[in-house]
Protein backbone atom coordinates (compact mmCIF):
# COMPACT_ATOMS: atom_id res chain seq x y z
CA MET A 1 -14.81 10.51 10.50
CA THR A 2 -11.78 8.29 11.06
CA ARG A 3 -11.17 6.13 8.01
CA ALA A 4 -9.53 2.71 8.02
CA LEU A 5 -8.38 0.58 5.14
CA ILE A 6 -8.11 -3.21 5.39
CA VAL A 7 -5.83 -4.73 2.76
CA LEU A 8 -6.15 -8.35 1.59
CA THR A 9 -3.76 -10.53 -0.36
CA SER A 10 -4.58 -11.47 -3.95
CA HIS A 11 -2.23 -14.46 -4.01
CA SER A 12 -4.05 -17.79 -4.26
CA ARG A 13 -1.39 -20.53 -4.64
CA LEU A 14 0.35 -22.08 -1.64
CA GLY A 15 3.81 -22.37 -3.11
CA ASP A 16 4.30 -25.57 -5.10
CA THR A 17 1.91 -27.64 -3.00
CA GLY A 18 -1.00 -27.46 -5.43
CA LEU A 19 -3.14 -26.14 -2.57
CA SER A 20 -5.00 -22.86 -2.56
CA THR A 21 -4.48 -20.05 -0.07
CA GLY A 22 -5.53 -16.43 0.27
CA PHE A 23 -6.58 -14.09 3.03
CA HIS A 24 -7.74 -15.47 6.37
CA ALA A 25 -11.44 -14.69 6.75
CA GLY A 26 -11.36 -13.99 10.48
CA GLU A 27 -8.34 -11.73 10.22
CA ALA A 28 -10.28 -9.46 7.89
CA ALA A 29 -13.78 -9.81 9.34
CA GLU A 30 -12.93 -9.28 13.02
CA PRO A 31 -11.01 -6.01 12.47
CA TRP A 32 -13.70 -4.86 9.99
CA ALA A 33 -16.45 -5.47 12.54
CA THR A 34 -14.44 -3.98 15.41
CA PHE A 35 -13.71 -0.80 13.46
CA ARG A 36 -17.35 -0.40 12.37
CA ARG A 37 -18.65 -0.87 15.91
CA ALA A 38 -16.24 1.85 17.03
CA GLY A 39 -17.64 4.25 14.44
CA LEU A 40 -14.81 4.12 11.92
CA ASP A 41 -15.45 4.33 8.20
CA VAL A 42 -13.94 1.13 6.78
CA ASP A 43 -12.81 0.35 3.24
CA VAL A 44 -11.47 -2.98 2.02
CA ALA A 45 -9.01 -3.43 -0.85
CA SER A 46 -7.00 -6.26 -2.34
CA VAL A 47 -3.54 -6.15 -3.83
CA ALA A 48 -4.68 -6.75 -7.41
CA GLY A 49 -8.27 -5.58 -7.04
CA GLY A 50 -11.35 -7.74 -7.26
CA ARG A 51 -12.17 -10.96 -5.44
CA PRO A 52 -9.33 -12.57 -3.48
CA THR A 53 -9.27 -16.22 -2.47
CA VAL A 54 -10.57 -16.89 1.03
CA ASP A 55 -8.98 -19.20 3.58
CA GLY A 56 -10.28 -20.18 7.01
CA HIS A 57 -13.90 -19.17 6.41
CA ASP A 58 -16.14 -20.04 9.37
CA GLU A 59 -19.79 -19.59 8.40
CA SER A 60 -20.85 -19.94 12.03
CA ASP A 61 -18.94 -16.79 13.01
CA THR A 62 -21.20 -13.73 13.27
CA ASP A 63 -18.56 -11.21 12.20
CA GLN A 64 -17.61 -13.30 9.19
CA ARG A 65 -21.22 -13.72 8.10
CA GLU A 66 -21.74 -9.96 8.29
CA PHE A 67 -18.47 -9.25 6.49
CA PHE A 68 -19.21 -11.53 3.55
CA ALA A 69 -22.81 -10.33 3.35
CA THR A 70 -21.77 -6.67 3.32
CA VAL A 71 -18.44 -6.42 1.50
CA ASP A 72 -18.58 -6.89 -2.27
CA LEU A 73 -15.36 -8.80 -2.78
CA ASP A 74 -15.78 -8.75 -6.55
CA ALA A 75 -15.64 -4.94 -6.52
CA LEU A 76 -12.62 -4.45 -4.25
CA PRO A 77 -10.32 -1.68 -5.47
CA ALA A 78 -6.67 -2.41 -6.17
CA ALA A 79 -4.28 -1.06 -3.56
CA ALA A 80 -2.29 0.79 -6.23
CA GLY A 81 -5.22 3.09 -6.95
CA LEU A 82 -5.75 4.29 -3.40
CA ASP A 83 -4.57 7.56 -1.84
CA PRO A 84 -2.89 7.16 1.56
CA SER A 85 -3.96 10.67 2.53
CA SER A 86 -7.54 9.37 2.62
CA TYR A 87 -6.86 7.04 5.55
CA ASP A 88 -5.97 7.27 9.22
CA VAL A 89 -5.40 3.53 9.57
CA VAL A 90 -4.12 0.82 7.26
CA PHE A 91 -4.58 -2.74 8.50
CA PHE A 92 -2.93 -5.67 6.72
CA ALA A 93 -4.97 -8.84 7.21
CA GLY A 94 -3.12 -12.14 7.20
CA GLY A 95 -3.38 -15.45 5.43
CA HIS A 96 -0.52 -17.35 3.85
CA GLY A 97 -1.05 -15.62 0.51
CA THR A 98 0.44 -12.45 1.95
CA MET A 99 3.86 -14.09 2.07
CA TRP A 100 4.05 -13.87 -1.71
CA ASP A 101 2.44 -10.56 -2.70
CA PHE A 102 2.84 -8.29 0.37
CA PRO A 103 6.65 -8.04 0.76
CA GLY A 104 8.27 -5.46 -1.47
CA ASN A 105 4.94 -4.40 -2.98
CA ALA A 106 5.38 -0.76 -3.99
CA ALA A 107 1.68 0.07 -3.69
CA LEU A 108 1.41 -1.35 -0.18
CA GLN A 109 4.60 0.38 0.89
CA ARG A 110 3.32 3.70 -0.46
CA LEU A 111 0.06 3.30 1.43
CA ALA A 112 1.64 2.26 4.72
CA ALA A 113 4.42 4.84 4.67
CA GLY A 114 1.98 7.54 3.63
CA VAL A 115 -0.46 6.77 6.44
CA TYR A 116 2.28 6.42 9.04
CA GLU A 117 4.11 9.62 8.12
CA ARG A 118 0.86 11.59 8.30
CA GLY A 119 0.48 10.46 11.92
CA GLY A 120 -1.77 7.50 11.23
CA VAL A 121 -1.65 3.91 12.42
CA VAL A 122 -0.17 0.93 10.60
CA ALA A 123 -1.42 -2.43 11.82
CA ALA A 124 -1.07 -6.05 10.74
CA VAL A 125 -1.91 -9.50 12.03
CA CYS A 126 -0.49 -13.02 11.64
CA HIS A 127 1.17 -13.12 8.18
CA GLY A 128 -0.04 -9.58 7.47
CA PRO A 129 3.23 -8.12 8.83
CA ALA A 130 4.80 -9.45 5.63
CA ALA A 131 3.79 -6.03 4.28
CA LEU A 132 6.31 -4.50 6.71
CA VAL A 133 9.24 -6.50 5.31
CA GLY A 134 11.39 -4.05 3.39
CA LEU A 135 9.02 -1.15 4.08
CA SER A 136 11.05 2.05 4.29
CA LEU A 137 9.99 5.54 5.32
CA SER A 138 10.95 8.67 3.41
CA ASP A 139 14.18 9.00 5.40
CA GLY A 140 15.27 5.55 4.25
CA THR A 141 14.81 3.79 7.60
CA HIS A 142 12.77 0.61 7.90
CA LEU A 143 9.45 1.23 9.60
CA VAL A 144 10.02 -1.73 11.93
CA ALA A 145 13.62 -0.81 12.83
CA GLY A 146 13.93 -0.44 16.59
CA LYS A 147 10.29 -1.42 17.16
CA ARG A 148 8.71 -4.32 18.99
CA VAL A 149 6.46 -6.46 16.82
CA ALA A 150 4.34 -9.59 16.87
CA ALA A 151 3.90 -11.89 13.89
CA PHE A 152 3.29 -15.54 13.07
CA THR A 153 6.09 -17.36 14.85
CA ASN A 154 8.53 -19.93 13.49
CA GLU A 155 7.01 -22.45 15.88
CA GLU A 156 3.50 -21.79 14.56
CA GLU A 157 4.74 -22.07 10.97
CA ALA A 158 6.30 -25.43 11.80
CA ALA A 159 3.13 -26.60 13.53
CA ALA A 160 1.15 -25.61 10.44
CA GLY A 161 3.54 -27.65 8.29
CA ARG A 162 4.47 -24.65 6.17
CA THR A 163 8.11 -23.99 7.09
CA ASP A 164 9.40 -25.39 3.81
CA VAL A 165 6.51 -23.96 1.79
CA VAL A 166 6.62 -20.25 2.56
CA PRO A 167 9.33 -18.20 0.78
CA PHE A 168 10.81 -17.06 4.11
CA LEU A 169 10.09 -17.15 7.83
CA LEU A 170 8.25 -13.97 8.72
CA ALA A 171 9.52 -13.47 12.26
CA ASP A 172 13.12 -13.88 11.09
CA ALA A 173 12.66 -11.40 8.25
CA LEU A 174 11.27 -8.74 10.57
CA VAL A 175 14.23 -9.19 12.90
CA GLU A 176 16.59 -8.87 9.94
CA HIS A 177 15.01 -5.46 9.25
CA GLY A 178 15.71 -4.26 12.77
CA ALA A 179 12.58 -5.27 14.66
CA THR A 180 12.41 -7.02 18.02
CA HIS A 181 10.04 -9.95 17.63
CA VAL A 182 7.99 -10.53 20.79
CA PRO A 183 6.37 -13.98 20.60
CA GLY A 184 3.61 -15.31 22.78
CA PRO A 185 2.63 -18.96 23.28
CA MET A 186 1.42 -20.69 20.13
CA TRP A 187 -2.19 -20.05 19.11
CA THR A 188 -2.86 -17.56 21.91
CA GLU A 189 -3.59 -13.86 21.60
CA GLN A 190 -0.46 -11.75 21.40
CA VAL A 191 -0.73 -8.08 20.39
CA VAL A 192 2.21 -5.69 20.50
CA VAL A 193 1.80 -1.92 20.34
CA ASP A 194 4.82 0.26 19.66
CA GLY A 195 3.70 3.82 19.13
CA ARG A 196 1.52 3.86 16.03
CA LEU A 197 2.53 0.37 14.93
CA VAL A 198 0.17 -2.41 16.05
CA THR A 199 0.89 -6.05 15.26
CA GLY A 200 -0.74 -9.35 16.20
CA GLN A 201 0.73 -12.83 16.18
CA ASN A 202 -1.95 -15.12 14.80
CA PRO A 203 -5.69 -15.42 14.01
CA GLN A 204 -6.44 -15.32 17.72
CA SER A 205 -4.93 -11.81 17.81
CA ALA A 206 -6.99 -10.16 15.05
CA ARG A 207 -9.71 -8.68 17.24
CA GLY A 208 -7.26 -7.57 19.92
CA ALA A 209 -5.06 -5.83 17.36
CA ALA A 210 -8.06 -3.97 15.99
CA GLU A 211 -9.13 -2.94 19.49
CA GLN A 212 -5.69 -1.47 20.12
CA VAL A 213 -5.95 0.49 16.89
CA VAL A 214 -9.28 1.90 18.03
CA LYS A 215 -7.75 3.00 21.32
CA ILE A 216 -5.02 4.91 19.48
CA VAL A 217 -7.34 6.75 17.10
CA SER A 218 -10.11 7.44 19.62
């Protein structure tokens, strides 16, 4: 059976604002539900292990209700303890927390590079592509170098009032690592597939990104 891993941020503080942040509920629940409906075996992990803080939870959403009723967030394994050879897909869910604990994280880089170099799929949505910042393959090249990607845009960050809160602008950082950022209109679905790299721009792109992953592994 094809196995997918969804990785969630463990970071809970929105910079120096005094506000909380975390993973975006829909960006985890929609891929989780999409993968399960397609027959994939799905695991969920967090960076530090255990329960991460949730942002954007919509209790009226069917996929989110099923996700939170099924996944034991208190028992999530830490990413560092997982074997990339066990997975065909690694999917980095977004949420502003990812901007602090995804980039440069050795465990996440080991997982993503390991899955990708075994012929698997690396996917991310919204701020989830922060995991791709600084991610190098075994030959020393950046995974995103020369690839087309989608990610939360500078315009969306400004509209969210977070430009001066986040530690860097995600789209700019991906471009600095050799990617071509392909933005769509704000708050509309935008999914970019470049080989076995699948990225989505915003929460509206979570389900579409997961569907593209399913097409690749089917």
